[in-house]
Amino acid sequence: MKLRLVLCAAIFVLAAIIGVREVKASPQIRIGSPCVISIPAEWGDFKGISKFGLVFEEQGGTLRIIDQMPCDTEGGYHGVPNVSVEVRRK
């Protein structure tokens, strides 16, 4: 127990002797643009994210889970995202 106390005191004294320097954060640099995808309006509303991808539900109840989205960092259009699962209601 005394050894721990001596070690803690020694570390404290050493830190006081060396001095504590203030570290300033530099602003983050953004490289490139964010990924932009286009979802057809007829696919309906965004419902959430599953472990399989993004989920959209149209008015008729059909669910579409999309994955492997064609990203465009230039703001253009690269086609419709890949629908991995489509659940239809009858």
Protein backbone atom coordinates (compact mmCIF):
# COMPACT_ATOMS: atom_id res chain seq x y z
CA MET A 1 0.00 0.00 0.00
CA LYS A 2 2.82 2.38 0.88
CA LEU A 3 4.55 1.51 -2.38
CA ARG A 4 1.46 2.51 -4.39
CA LEU A 5 1.22 5.79 -2.50
CA VAL A 6 4.90 6.53 -3.15
CA LEU A 7 4.50 5.69 -6.87
CA CYS A 8 1.42 7.90 -7.22
CA ALA A 9 3.20 10.77 -5.47
CA ALA A 10 6.25 10.32 -7.69
CA ILE A 11 4.12 10.39 -10.86
CA PHE A 12 2.31 13.51 -9.61
CA VAL A 13 5.59 15.29 -8.83
CA LEU A 14 7.08 14.28 -12.19
CA ALA A 15 4.02 15.58 -14.03
CA ALA A 16 4.22 18.87 -12.10
CA ILE A 17 7.92 19.25 -12.95
CA ILE A 18 7.43 18.52 -16.65
CA GLY A 19 4.35 20.70 -16.80
CA VAL A 20 1.07 20.11 -18.51
CA ARG A 21 0.91 21.39 -22.04
CA GLU A 22 -2.31 22.57 -23.60
CA VAL A 23 -3.13 20.75 -26.81
CA LYS A 24 -5.14 22.66 -29.38
CA ALA A 25 -7.44 20.84 -31.76
CA SER A 26 -7.08 21.65 -35.41
CA PRO A 27 -10.17 21.96 -37.62
CA GLN A 28 -11.21 18.83 -39.44
CA ILE A 29 -10.44 18.74 -43.13
CA ARG A 30 -13.18 17.33 -45.33
CA ILE A 31 -11.84 15.31 -48.21
CA GLY A 32 -14.21 14.90 -51.12
CA SER A 33 -17.99 15.19 -51.10
CA PRO A 34 -20.53 12.98 -49.33
CA CYS A 35 -22.13 10.03 -51.08
CA VAL A 36 -25.34 11.09 -52.86
CA ILE A 37 -27.94 8.56 -54.03
CA SER A 38 -31.31 9.06 -55.73
CA ILE A 39 -34.32 6.98 -54.68
CA PRO A 40 -37.38 6.87 -56.98
CA ALA A 41 -40.33 8.68 -55.38
CA GLU A 42 -42.66 5.76 -56.14
CA TRP A 43 -40.66 3.59 -53.70
CA GLY A 44 -42.40 5.53 -50.93
CA ASP A 45 -41.17 6.71 -47.57
CA PHE A 46 -37.93 5.85 -45.84
CA LYS A 47 -38.77 3.54 -42.92
CA GLY A 48 -35.38 2.80 -41.42
CA ILE A 49 -32.18 0.82 -41.62
CA SER A 50 -31.89 -2.93 -41.20
CA LYS A 51 -28.78 -5.06 -41.16
CA PHE A 52 -29.54 -5.74 -44.83
CA GLY A 53 -29.79 -2.10 -45.99
CA LEU A 54 -32.13 0.89 -46.20
CA VAL A 55 -35.89 0.16 -46.04
CA PHE A 56 -38.55 2.02 -48.06
CA GLU A 57 -42.32 1.41 -48.01
CA GLU A 58 -44.69 2.47 -50.78
CA GLN A 59 -48.40 3.26 -50.27
CA GLY A 60 -49.49 -0.26 -51.27
CA GLY A 61 -47.39 -1.76 -48.49
CA THR A 62 -44.53 -3.08 -50.63
CA LEU A 63 -41.23 -2.93 -48.76
CA ARG A 64 -37.92 -2.53 -50.59
CA ILE A 65 -34.58 -3.09 -48.91
CA ILE A 66 -31.73 -1.59 -50.88
CA ASP A 67 -28.00 -2.21 -50.63
CA GLN A 68 -24.94 -1.51 -52.76
CA MET A 69 -26.02 2.02 -53.54
CA PRO A 70 -24.40 3.67 -56.57
CA CYS A 71 -22.63 6.60 -54.91
CA ASP A 72 -21.88 9.80 -56.71
CA THR A 73 -19.62 12.33 -55.07
CA GLU A 74 -20.06 14.87 -57.87
CA GLY A 75 -23.82 15.38 -57.47
CA GLY A 76 -24.78 13.53 -60.67
CA TYR A 77 -27.07 10.54 -61.14
CA HIS A 78 -25.70 7.01 -61.33
CA GLY A 79 -28.90 4.97 -61.70
CA VAL A 80 -31.27 3.26 -59.31
CA PRO A 81 -29.87 1.54 -56.20
CA ASN A 82 -29.84 -2.25 -56.06
CA VAL A 83 -33.00 -3.74 -54.45
CA SER A 84 -31.82 -6.78 -52.49
CA VAL A 85 -35.25 -7.72 -51.08
CA GLU A 86 -38.78 -6.75 -52.16
CA VAL A 87 -41.72 -7.76 -49.95
CA ARG A 88 -45.11 -7.38 -51.66
CA ARG A 89 -48.52 -7.34 -50.01
CA LYS A 90 -51.50 -8.92 -51.75
